[in-house]
């Protein structure tokens, strides 16, 4: 069985990106940043942050 998607972790990560961007960011930019963090984590630690996908 695959690990479950971590909604709380994803929300925290999105909130941190929005905070760093001053509270506003385009939806596509946010999705791309979340993807890049997951990809980097998978390469460096072998485990994605959100377990999405």
N, C-alpha and C. Protein backbone atom coordinates (compact mmCIF):
# COMPACT_ATOMS: atom_id res chain seq x y z
N UNK A 1 0.84 -1.19 0.00
CA UNK A 1 0.00 0.00 0.00
C UNK A 1 0.88 1.25 0.00
N UNK A 2 0.48 2.24 -0.76
CA UNK A 2 1.22 3.49 -0.86
C UNK A 2 0.90 4.41 0.31
N UNK A 3 1.87 5.23 0.73
CA UNK A 3 1.58 6.22 1.78
C UNK A 3 0.50 7.19 1.33
N UNK A 4 -0.24 7.70 2.27
CA UNK A 4 -1.35 8.60 1.97
C UNK A 4 -0.86 10.04 1.75
N UNK A 5 -1.62 10.76 0.97
CA UNK A 5 -1.38 12.18 0.72
C UNK A 5 -1.48 12.95 2.04
N UNK A 6 -0.52 13.84 2.29
CA UNK A 6 -0.48 14.60 3.54
C UNK A 6 -1.01 16.02 3.30
N UNK A 7 -2.30 16.17 3.52
CA UNK A 7 -2.94 17.46 3.26
C UNK A 7 -2.42 18.54 4.20
N UNK A 8 -2.24 18.23 5.46
CA UNK A 8 -1.77 19.23 6.43
C UNK A 8 -0.36 19.72 6.07
N UNK A 9 0.51 18.82 5.68
CA UNK A 9 1.88 19.18 5.31
C UNK A 9 1.88 20.06 4.06
N UNK A 10 1.03 19.72 3.10
CA UNK A 10 0.93 20.50 1.87
C UNK A 10 0.41 21.90 2.18
N UNK A 11 -0.57 22.00 3.06
CA UNK A 11 -1.13 23.30 3.44
C UNK A 11 -0.08 24.16 4.14
N UNK A 12 0.71 23.55 5.02
CA UNK A 12 1.78 24.28 5.70
C UNK A 12 2.80 24.80 4.70
N UNK A 13 3.18 23.96 3.76
CA UNK A 13 4.16 24.34 2.76
C UNK A 13 3.63 25.48 1.87
N UNK A 14 2.37 25.35 1.43
CA UNK A 14 1.77 26.40 0.61
C UNK A 14 1.68 27.71 1.40
N UNK A 15 1.32 27.62 2.66
CA UNK A 15 1.24 28.81 3.51
C UNK A 15 2.58 29.50 3.66
N UNK A 16 3.63 28.71 3.78
CA UNK A 16 4.97 29.28 3.90
C UNK A 16 5.39 29.98 2.61
N UNK A 17 5.09 29.38 1.47
CA UNK A 17 5.40 30.03 0.20
C UNK A 17 4.62 31.34 0.06
N UNK A 18 3.35 31.33 0.45
CA UNK A 18 2.54 32.54 0.36
C UNK A 18 3.05 33.62 1.31
N UNK A 19 3.47 33.21 2.50
CA UNK A 19 4.02 34.18 3.46
C UNK A 19 5.28 34.83 2.89
N UNK A 20 6.15 34.02 2.32
CA UNK A 20 7.39 34.54 1.75
C UNK A 20 7.14 35.45 0.55
N UNK A 21 6.03 35.22 -0.14
CA UNK A 21 5.69 36.03 -1.32
C UNK A 21 4.86 37.26 -0.96
N UNK A 22 4.65 37.49 0.32
CA UNK A 22 3.89 38.66 0.74
C UNK A 22 2.39 38.45 0.74
N UNK A 23 1.93 37.20 0.69
CA UNK A 23 0.51 36.91 0.82
C UNK A 23 -0.22 36.63 -0.47
N UNK A 24 0.39 36.91 -1.61
CA UNK A 24 -0.28 36.68 -2.90
C UNK A 24 0.68 35.98 -3.86
N UNK A 25 0.10 35.07 -4.65
CA UNK A 25 0.90 34.35 -5.64
C UNK A 25 -0.08 33.69 -6.61
N UNK A 26 0.31 33.58 -7.85
CA UNK A 26 -0.57 32.92 -8.81
C UNK A 26 -0.67 31.43 -8.47
N UNK A 27 -1.80 30.86 -8.78
CA UNK A 27 -2.06 29.45 -8.50
C UNK A 27 -1.02 28.56 -9.18
N UNK A 28 -0.72 28.83 -10.43
CA UNK A 28 0.23 28.00 -11.17
C UNK A 28 1.63 28.07 -10.58
N UNK A 29 2.05 29.22 -10.14
CA UNK A 29 3.37 29.35 -9.53
C UNK A 29 3.44 28.54 -8.24
N UNK A 30 2.38 28.60 -7.44
CA UNK A 30 2.33 27.84 -6.19
C UNK A 30 2.39 26.34 -6.47
N UNK A 31 1.63 25.87 -7.44
CA UNK A 31 1.63 24.44 -7.79
C UNK A 31 3.01 24.02 -8.27
N UNK A 32 3.65 24.83 -9.07
CA UNK A 32 5.00 24.50 -9.57
C UNK A 32 6.01 24.45 -8.43
N UNK A 33 5.91 25.38 -7.49
CA UNK A 33 6.83 25.37 -6.35
C UNK A 33 6.63 24.13 -5.48
N UNK A 34 5.37 23.75 -5.26
CA UNK A 34 5.08 22.54 -4.49
C UNK A 34 5.65 21.31 -5.19
N UNK A 35 5.52 21.26 -6.51
CA UNK A 35 6.07 20.16 -7.29
C UNK A 35 7.60 20.10 -7.14
N UNK A 36 8.24 21.26 -7.26
CA UNK A 36 9.70 21.29 -7.17
C UNK A 36 10.21 20.86 -5.79
N UNK A 37 9.50 21.25 -4.74
CA UNK A 37 9.89 20.83 -3.39
C UNK A 37 9.75 19.32 -3.25
N UNK A 38 8.66 18.77 -3.75
CA UNK A 38 8.46 17.31 -3.69
C UNK A 38 9.55 16.59 -4.48
N UNK A 39 9.88 17.09 -5.64
CA UNK A 39 10.89 16.46 -6.48
C UNK A 39 12.27 16.51 -5.80
N UNK A 40 12.61 17.66 -5.25
CA UNK A 40 13.90 17.81 -4.58
C UNK A 40 13.99 16.89 -3.36
N UNK A 41 12.92 16.83 -2.60
CA UNK A 41 12.89 15.96 -1.43
C UNK A 41 13.03 14.49 -1.84
N UNK A 42 12.38 14.11 -2.91
CA UNK A 42 12.47 12.74 -3.39
C UNK A 42 13.89 12.40 -3.81
N UNK A 43 14.57 13.32 -4.47
CA UNK A 43 15.94 13.09 -4.90
C UNK A 43 16.93 13.04 -3.73
N UNK A 44 16.74 13.95 -2.76
CA UNK A 44 17.69 14.06 -1.66
C UNK A 44 17.42 13.08 -0.52
N UNK A 45 16.16 12.85 -0.20
CA UNK A 45 15.82 12.01 0.94
C UNK A 45 15.16 10.69 0.57
N UNK A 46 14.69 10.61 -0.68
CA UNK A 46 14.02 9.39 -1.12
C UNK A 46 12.55 9.35 -0.75
N UNK A 47 12.04 10.46 -0.18
CA UNK A 47 10.65 10.53 0.26
C UNK A 47 10.09 11.90 -0.12
N UNK A 48 8.95 11.97 -0.83
CA UNK A 48 8.36 13.27 -1.13
C UNK A 48 7.75 13.90 0.11
N UNK A 49 7.62 15.20 0.11
CA UNK A 49 7.05 15.92 1.26
C UNK A 49 5.56 15.62 1.39
N UNK A 50 4.84 15.62 0.30
CA UNK A 50 3.38 15.51 0.36
C UNK A 50 2.85 14.12 0.03
N UNK A 51 3.68 13.25 -0.50
CA UNK A 51 3.25 11.94 -0.98
C UNK A 51 2.17 12.07 -2.04
N UNK A 52 2.17 13.17 -2.77
CA UNK A 52 1.18 13.38 -3.82
C UNK A 52 1.74 12.86 -5.13
N UNK A 53 1.02 11.96 -5.74
CA UNK A 53 1.38 11.49 -7.06
C UNK A 53 2.21 10.28 -7.01
